[in-house]
């Protein structure tokens, strides 16, 4: 059940991250969901490292997941942008 919630929150976080950072990105809804899930995982990992989430298995909230998704989207654009310039 935890995985299903992570996918749902990740999809919402990815969609909101795209609204925060509009622009052309390769990929569609699947890439958006994957970026959101990656953002949620990064936010959860950083939150546990900082001490925000103390219980085992406690994931990041929606706002932290959106922040993580924005971070992942920015890195994704930098990497994809460099590949496009190199061609």
Protein backbone atom coordinates (compact mmCIF):
# COMPACT_ATOMS: atom_id res chain seq x y z
CA UNK A 1 0.00 0.00 0.00
CA UNK A 2 2.92 2.33 0.73
CA UNK A 3 4.15 1.98 -2.87
CA UNK A 4 0.74 2.89 -4.28
CA UNK A 5 0.59 6.06 -2.16
CA UNK A 6 4.14 6.95 -3.22
CA UNK A 7 3.13 6.61 -6.89
CA UNK A 8 0.01 8.75 -6.36
CA UNK A 9 1.86 11.44 -4.38
CA UNK A 10 4.75 11.27 -6.86
CA UNK A 11 2.43 11.76 -9.81
CA UNK A 12 0.75 14.74 -8.19
CA UNK A 13 4.13 16.18 -7.14
CA UNK A 14 5.52 15.69 -10.66
CA UNK A 15 2.52 17.42 -12.23
CA UNK A 16 2.78 20.33 -9.80
CA UNK A 17 6.53 20.57 -10.41
CA UNK A 18 5.79 20.88 -14.15
CA UNK A 19 3.36 23.70 -13.36
CA UNK A 20 6.01 25.44 -11.25
CA UNK A 21 8.71 24.97 -13.91
CA UNK A 22 6.93 25.09 -17.28
CA UNK A 23 8.82 24.46 -20.47
CA UNK A 24 9.55 21.88 -23.11
CA UNK A 25 10.74 18.59 -21.69
CA UNK A 26 11.07 15.33 -23.54
CA UNK A 27 8.74 12.69 -22.20
CA UNK A 28 5.12 12.66 -21.26
CA UNK A 29 3.05 11.73 -18.27
CA UNK A 30 5.20 8.68 -17.45
CA UNK A 31 8.36 10.80 -17.21
CA UNK A 32 6.47 13.32 -15.08
CA UNK A 33 5.34 10.59 -12.69
CA UNK A 34 8.83 9.10 -12.52
CA UNK A 35 10.36 12.52 -11.78
CA UNK A 36 7.76 13.05 -9.07
CA UNK A 37 8.45 9.65 -7.51
CA UNK A 38 12.19 10.33 -7.61
CA UNK A 39 11.56 13.72 -5.99
CA UNK A 40 9.49 12.10 -3.26
CA UNK A 41 12.25 9.55 -2.60
CA UNK A 42 14.92 12.25 -2.46
CA UNK A 43 12.78 14.41 -0.16
CA UNK A 44 12.16 11.41 2.12
CA UNK A 45 15.86 10.52 2.21
CA UNK A 46 16.94 14.09 2.95
CA UNK A 47 14.16 14.48 5.53
CA UNK A 48 15.32 11.36 7.37
CA UNK A 49 18.95 12.52 7.21
CA UNK A 50 18.02 15.91 8.68
CA UNK A 51 15.71 14.35 11.28
CA UNK A 52 12.32 15.54 10.06
CA UNK A 53 10.95 12.00 9.66
CA UNK A 54 11.66 9.82 12.68
CA UNK A 55 9.41 6.80 12.18
CA UNK A 56 10.67 3.99 9.95
CA UNK A 57 8.90 3.97 6.61
CA UNK A 58 7.57 7.50 7.04
CA UNK A 59 7.63 9.19 3.66
CA UNK A 60 7.88 12.80 2.67
CA UNK A 61 4.75 14.93 2.52
CA UNK A 62 3.32 16.51 -0.58
CA UNK A 63 5.14 19.83 -0.20
CA UNK A 64 8.52 18.17 0.37
CA UNK A 65 7.81 15.84 -2.56
CA UNK A 66 7.05 18.81 -4.80
CA UNK A 67 10.32 20.44 -3.74
CA UNK A 68 12.19 17.22 -4.48
CA UNK A 69 10.44 16.89 -7.85
CA UNK A 70 11.38 20.48 -8.78
CA UNK A 71 14.98 19.69 -7.86
CA UNK A 72 14.97 16.49 -9.94
CA UNK A 73 13.31 18.31 -12.86
CA UNK A 74 15.96 21.06 -12.77
CA UNK A 75 18.78 18.48 -12.80
CA UNK A 76 17.00 16.55 -15.57
CA UNK A 77 16.77 19.69 -17.70
CA UNK A 78 20.45 20.48 -17.16
CA UNK A 79 21.50 16.96 -18.21
CA UNK A 80 19.15 16.76 -21.20
CA UNK A 81 20.06 20.34 -22.21
CA UNK A 82 23.76 19.48 -22.29
CA UNK A 83 23.11 16.43 -24.45
CA UNK A 84 21.08 18.51 -26.89
CA UNK A 85 23.87 21.11 -27.16
CA UNK A 86 26.52 18.41 -27.71
CA UNK A 87 24.70 17.04 -30.78
